[in-house]
């Protein structure tokens, strides 16, 4: 009978540990998903910023050598991601494919001017930066004018700022919710062991002796839960990347590793602190209140 009771007790203990690890893993998994959304939202905003270009309209009589010199000078600038030179003939061919007919036949000449499309790095796509760059480019003798869609640029910048602020607020709320769920889960786990804690006190065990096995176990369970959540996160990332190519990538491996370390830190630290606070509550509780 005693052996059966001991076996049942161990089985329940293992079950409680499994439940605790699964609960914490799922919470950390959700936190990790949102972390990946934040990481890729930043990369996505940079992608949209860097996909915008402004067009440098060159003078019709500009020499090829002078144009190439301008392009080479722009490519050397740290704020320029890349440039694309479009000659008059190339511009005419593109327009012809878009219109579906040869406009040169009834015009008799090519009215298009050679251009250089300039793509900036994300940090320099703000209106004030572009104005300075525009002023610099207009100083080239072969440049006629600089054209870019200011309204589209302002719209993207405004929306990105709003979305970033929204994501930061949601991430803070999600972290608080995660903290609350993990803390409550651990408190319930400690609550189920309140009589064991009381028994240890009755036989003369001091507080540090009682805390030690619980805190060590909490560190281990937090670490295991974090590893499980990271495994789930990597599996989800693999499936999403397979179905939606380039939506989520491991391109920025440093940020992903940082997120993994953050999940481990959150799992371990919150587990430890929640266990410590829950233990203190029952260590300070009188025996008659344990039955409430």
Protein backbone atom coordinates (compact mmCIF):
# COMPACT_ATOMS: atom_id res chain seq x y z
CA UNK A 1 0.00 0.00 0.00
CA UNK A 2 2.80 2.33 0.94
CA UNK A 3 4.62 1.49 -2.28
CA UNK A 4 1.48 2.14 -4.30
CA UNK A 5 0.96 5.50 -2.59
CA UNK A 6 4.62 6.43 -3.19
CA UNK A 7 4.26 5.48 -6.85
CA UNK A 8 1.10 7.54 -7.21
CA UNK A 9 2.79 10.49 -5.49
CA UNK A 10 5.80 10.33 -7.84
CA UNK A 11 3.52 10.03 -10.86
CA UNK A 12 1.56 13.11 -9.78
CA UNK A 13 4.79 14.99 -9.17
CA UNK A 14 6.08 14.15 -12.64
CA UNK A 15 2.73 15.12 -14.12
CA UNK A 16 2.82 18.49 -12.36
CA UNK A 17 6.33 19.13 -13.69
CA UNK A 18 5.26 18.21 -17.23
CA UNK A 19 2.23 20.49 -16.97
CA UNK A 20 4.41 23.33 -15.67
CA UNK A 21 7.01 22.92 -18.45
CA UNK A 22 4.34 22.70 -21.18
CA UNK A 23 2.52 25.77 -19.88
CA UNK A 24 5.68 27.88 -19.67
CA UNK A 25 6.89 26.59 -23.06
CA UNK A 26 3.67 27.68 -24.77
CA UNK A 27 3.81 31.13 -23.17
CA UNK A 28 7.47 31.57 -24.19
CA UNK A 29 6.61 30.26 -27.67
CA UNK A 30 3.96 32.97 -28.11
CA UNK A 31 6.44 35.53 -26.81
CA UNK A 32 9.02 34.24 -29.31
CA UNK A 33 6.54 34.49 -32.20
CA UNK A 34 5.92 38.12 -31.40
CA UNK A 35 9.66 38.70 -31.07
CA UNK A 36 10.15 37.33 -34.58
CA UNK A 37 7.35 39.56 -35.84
CA UNK A 38 9.18 42.56 -34.36
CA UNK A 39 12.49 41.50 -35.92
CA UNK A 40 10.99 40.92 -39.35
CA UNK A 41 8.82 44.03 -39.11
CA UNK A 42 12.02 46.06 -38.85
CA UNK A 43 13.53 44.24 -41.82
CA UNK A 44 10.28 44.64 -43.75
CA UNK A 45 10.19 48.39 -43.08
CA UNK A 46 13.80 48.64 -44.28
CA UNK A 47 12.85 46.69 -47.40
CA UNK A 48 10.03 49.10 -48.24
CA UNK A 49 12.22 52.13 -47.54
CA UNK A 50 15.07 50.83 -49.70
CA UNK A 51 12.73 49.82 -52.53
CA UNK A 52 11.84 53.49 -53.02
CA UNK A 53 14.01 55.30 -55.51
CA UNK A 54 14.33 58.80 -56.85
CA UNK A 55 15.15 59.49 -60.45
CA UNK A 56 18.02 61.70 -61.55
CA UNK A 57 17.03 63.24 -64.88
CA UNK A 58 20.12 63.85 -67.00
CA UNK A 59 20.56 66.45 -69.70
CA UNK A 60 19.92 65.23 -73.21
CA UNK A 61 23.38 66.23 -74.42
CA UNK A 62 25.18 64.58 -71.47
CA UNK A 63 28.15 62.49 -72.52
CA UNK A 64 28.26 58.79 -71.59
CA UNK A 65 31.60 59.26 -69.81
CA UNK A 66 30.22 62.07 -67.63
CA UNK A 67 27.11 60.02 -66.78
CA UNK A 68 29.20 57.04 -65.74
CA UNK A 69 31.35 59.33 -63.59
CA UNK A 70 28.24 60.62 -61.80
CA UNK A 71 26.98 57.08 -61.27
CA UNK A 72 30.36 55.94 -59.92
CA UNK A 73 30.49 58.88 -57.53
CA UNK A 74 26.97 58.13 -56.22
CA UNK A 75 27.77 54.43 -55.78
CA UNK A 76 30.70 55.41 -53.56
CA UNK A 77 28.44 57.31 -51.14
CA UNK A 78 27.66 55.46 -47.90
CA UNK A 79 23.99 56.46 -48.03
CA UNK A 80 23.43 54.99 -51.51
CA UNK A 81 22.50 51.31 -51.66
CA UNK A 82 22.68 51.04 -55.45
CA UNK A 83 22.13 52.95 -58.67
CA UNK A 84 20.73 51.93 -62.05
CA UNK A 85 21.54 53.82 -65.24
CA UNK A 86 18.78 53.83 -67.86
CA UNK A 87 19.80 55.10 -71.29
CA UNK A 88 17.38 56.75 -73.74
CA UNK A 89 17.07 53.55 -75.75
CA UNK A 90 16.44 51.42 -72.64
CA UNK A 91 13.81 53.91 -71.42
CA UNK A 92 12.10 53.78 -74.83
CA UNK A 93 12.09 49.96 -74.79
CA UNK A 94 10.52 49.90 -71.30
CA UNK A 95 7.83 52.40 -72.29
CA UNK A 96 7.13 50.47 -75.47
CA UNK A 97 6.56 47.25 -73.48
CA UNK A 98 4.25 49.09 -71.05
CA UNK A 99 2.20 50.78 -73.79
CA UNK A 100 2.13 47.74 -76.03
CA UNK A 101 2.95 49.79 -79.12
CA UNK A 102 5.92 51.60 -80.62
CA UNK A 103 5.40 55.30 -79.85
CA UNK A 104 8.62 56.19 -81.72
CA UNK A 105 6.96 55.41 -85.09
CA UNK A 106 4.44 58.26 -84.93
CA UNK A 107 6.65 60.67 -82.95
CA UNK A 108 9.64 60.25 -85.20
CA UNK A 109 12.17 60.76 -82.38
CA UNK A 110 12.92 59.63 -78.82
CA UNK A 111 11.74 62.33 -76.36
CA UNK A 112 12.93 60.44 -73.28
CA UNK A 113 16.02 61.50 -71.36
CA UNK A 114 18.67 59.25 -69.84
CA UNK A 115 18.19 58.75 -66.10
CA UNK A 116 19.88 57.28 -63.03
CA UNK A 117 17.62 55.57 -60.48
CA UNK A 118 19.11 56.00 -57.00
CA UNK A 119 18.17 53.66 -54.13
CA UNK A 120 19.10 54.87 -50.65
CA UNK A 121 19.81 52.90 -47.51
CA UNK A 122 16.89 52.82 -45.05
CA UNK A 123 18.46 55.30 -42.62
CA UNK A 124 18.57 58.03 -45.30
CA UNK A 125 15.04 57.73 -46.70
CA UNK A 126 13.61 60.46 -44.48
CA UNK A 127 12.48 63.66 -46.26
CA UNK A 128 15.14 65.89 -44.65
CA UNK A 129 17.94 63.52 -45.69
CA UNK A 130 16.60 63.25 -49.25
CA UNK A 131 16.43 67.05 -49.55
CA UNK A 132 20.14 67.31 -48.68
CA UNK A 133 21.03 64.51 -51.11
CA UNK A 134 18.89 66.13 -53.82
CA UNK A 135 20.70 69.44 -53.34
CA UNK A 136 24.06 67.66 -53.67
CA UNK A 137 23.06 65.79 -56.86
CA UNK A 138 21.76 68.94 -58.56
CA UNK A 139 25.29 70.36 -58.39
CA UNK A 140 26.42 67.89 -61.07
CA UNK A 141 26.66 69.77 -64.43
CA UNK A 142 25.00 66.90 -66.35
CA UNK A 143 21.97 66.70 -64.03
CA UNK A 144 18.79 68.42 -65.19
CA UNK A 145 16.45 67.66 -62.26
CA UNK A 146 15.71 65.17 -59.48
CA UNK A 147 12.29 63.55 -59.23
CA UNK A 148 10.79 61.48 -56.40
CA UNK A 149 7.29 60.84 -55.04
CA UNK A 150 7.34 62.87 -51.85
CA UNK A 151 3.76 61.95 -50.87
CA UNK A 152 4.49 58.20 -51.07
CA UNK A 153 7.69 58.65 -49.07
CA UNK A 154 5.91 60.61 -46.33
CA UNK A 155 3.08 58.06 -46.25
CA UNK A 156 5.47 55.14 -45.75
CA UNK A 157 7.49 56.93 -43.07
CA UNK A 158 4.35 57.94 -41.14
CA UNK A 159 2.80 54.48 -41.30
CA UNK A 160 6.04 52.76 -40.26
CA UNK A 161 6.29 55.01 -37.19
CA UNK A 162 2.67 54.28 -36.23
CA UNK A 163 3.10 50.53 -36.73
CA UNK A 164 6.36 50.53 -34.73
CA UNK A 165 4.69 52.32 -31.81
CA UNK A 166 1.74 49.91 -31.94
CA UNK A 167 4.02 46.85 -31.95
CA UNK A 168 6.02 48.19 -28.99
CA UNK A 169 2.83 48.69 -26.96
CA UNK A 170 1.55 45.22 -27.86
CA UNK A 171 4.93 43.64 -27.01
CA UNK A 172 4.92 45.33 -23.57
CA UNK A 173 1.37 44.08 -22.90
CA UNK A 174 2.23 40.58 -24.11
CA UNK A 175 5.28 40.50 -21.83
CA UNK A 176 3.14 41.50 -18.81
CA UNK A 177 0.55 38.85 -19.70
CA UNK A 178 3.31 36.23 -20.08
CA UNK A 179 4.77 37.27 -16.74
CA UNK A 180 1.37 36.91 -15.06
CA UNK A 181 0.60 33.51 -16.60
CA UNK A 182 3.99 32.03 -15.71
CA UNK A 183 3.82 33.45 -12.18
CA UNK A 184 0.31 32.03 -11.60
CA UNK A 185 1.31 28.63 -13.02
CA UNK A 186 4.29 28.41 -10.66
CA UNK A 187 2.23 29.59 -7.68
CA UNK A 188 -0.26 26.78 -8.32
CA UNK A 189 2.63 24.31 -8.53
CA UNK A 190 4.07 25.52 -5.20
CA UNK A 191 0.56 25.54 -3.69
CA UNK A 192 0.27 21.80 -4.37
CA UNK A 193 3.48 21.28 -2.35
CA UNK A 194 2.58 23.53 0.58
CA UNK A 195 2.21 20.60 3.00
CA UNK A 196 5.65 19.27 2.04
CA UNK A 197 7.10 22.71 2.79
CA UNK A 198 5.30 22.80 6.14
CA UNK A 199 6.51 19.30 7.02
CA UNK A 200 10.11 20.31 6.33
CA UNK A 201 9.67 23.30 8.62
CA UNK A 202 8.26 21.10 11.39
CA UNK A 203 11.29 18.81 11.36
CA UNK A 204 13.61 21.83 11.75
CA UNK A 205 14.78 22.57 8.20
CA UNK A 206 15.84 26.21 7.75
CA UNK A 207 14.51 28.44 4.97
CA UNK A 208 17.54 28.24 2.70
CA UNK A 209 17.55 24.44 2.92
CA UNK A 210 13.86 24.31 1.97
CA UNK A 211 14.25 26.82 -0.86
CA UNK A 212 17.30 25.23 -2.49
CA UNK A 213 15.72 22.16 -4.18
CA UNK A 214 12.72 24.18 -5.34
CA UNK A 215 14.86 26.99 -6.79
CA UNK A 216 17.26 24.58 -8.51
CA UNK A 217 14.31 22.71 -9.98
CA UNK A 218 12.73 26.01 -11.12
CA UNK A 219 15.95 27.01 -12.92
CA UNK A 220 16.11 23.64 -14.67
CA UNK A 221 12.42 23.65 -15.65
CA UNK A 222 12.66 27.24 -16.92
CA UNK A 223 15.68 26.32 -19.06
CA UNK A 224 13.97 23.21 -20.46
CA UNK A 225 10.78 25.17 -21.20
CA UNK A 226 12.80 27.83 -23.02
CA UNK A 227 14.58 25.19 -25.14
CA UNK A 228 11.23 23.61 -26.06
CA UNK A 229 9.80 27.02 -27.03
CA UNK A 230 12.88 27.73 -29.18
CA UNK A 231 12.48 24.34 -30.88
CA UNK A 232 8.81 25.08 -31.60
CA UNK A 233 9.72 28.54 -32.87
CA UNK A 234 12.35 27.15 -35.25
CA UNK A 235 9.88 24.56 -36.53
CA UNK A 236 7.25 27.24 -37.15
CA UNK A 237 9.82 29.43 -38.89
CA UNK A 238 10.81 26.54 -41.16
CA UNK A 239 7.18 25.85 -42.14
CA UNK A 240 6.37 29.52 -42.79
CA UNK A 241 9.53 30.04 -44.84
CA UNK A 242 8.68 26.94 -46.85
CA UNK A 243 5.14 28.12 -47.61
CA UNK A 244 5.78 31.86 -47.86
CA UNK A 245 9.29 32.30 -49.24
CA UNK A 246 11.24 35.19 -47.70
CA UNK A 247 8.41 36.17 -45.33
CA UNK A 248 10.49 35.00 -42.38
CA UNK A 249 14.18 34.28 -42.81
CA UNK A 250 17.25 33.54 -40.76
CA UNK A 251 19.11 36.27 -42.61
CA UNK A 252 19.75 38.26 -39.47
CA UNK A 253 21.05 35.36 -37.41
CA UNK A 254 22.40 37.62 -34.65
CA UNK A 255 18.93 38.97 -33.82
CA UNK A 256 17.46 35.46 -33.84
CA UNK A 257 20.18 34.20 -31.48
CA UNK A 258 19.57 37.23 -29.28
CA UNK A 259 15.87 36.35 -29.20
CA UNK A 260 16.72 32.78 -28.19
CA UNK A 261 18.93 34.04 -25.36
CA UNK A 262 16.13 36.40 -24.31
CA UNK A 263 13.64 33.52 -24.17
CA UNK A 264 16.05 31.47 -22.06
CA UNK A 265 16.62 34.45 -19.77
CA UNK A 266 12.89 35.13 -19.40
CA UNK A 267 12.13 31.46 -18.73
CA UNK A 268 14.87 31.05 -16.14
CA UNK A 269 14.58 34.41 -14.36
CA UNK A 270 10.78 34.55 -14.16
CA UNK A 271 10.68 30.91 -13.01
CA UNK A 272 13.26 31.60 -10.31
CA UNK A 273 11.66 34.82 -9.02
CA UNK A 274 8.12 33.42 -9.08
CA UNK A 275 9.23 30.28 -7.22
CA UNK A 276 11.15 32.36 -4.66
CA UNK A 277 8.16 34.63 -3.96
CA UNK A 278 5.70 31.73 -3.80
CA UNK A 279 7.98 29.85 -1.38
CA UNK A 280 8.28 32.87 0.88
CA UNK A 281 4.51 33.09 1.07
CA UNK A 282 4.13 29.53 2.35
CA UNK A 283 7.22 29.70 4.55
CA UNK A 284 5.60 32.62 6.37
CA UNK A 285 2.14 31.06 6.48
CA UNK A 286 0.77 29.54 9.67
CA UNK A 287 -0.26 25.88 9.62
CA UNK A 288 -3.99 26.53 10.02
CA UNK A 289 -4.04 28.71 6.88
CA UNK A 290 -2.60 25.92 4.71
CA UNK A 291 -6.04 24.30 4.51
CA UNK A 292 -7.72 27.43 3.16
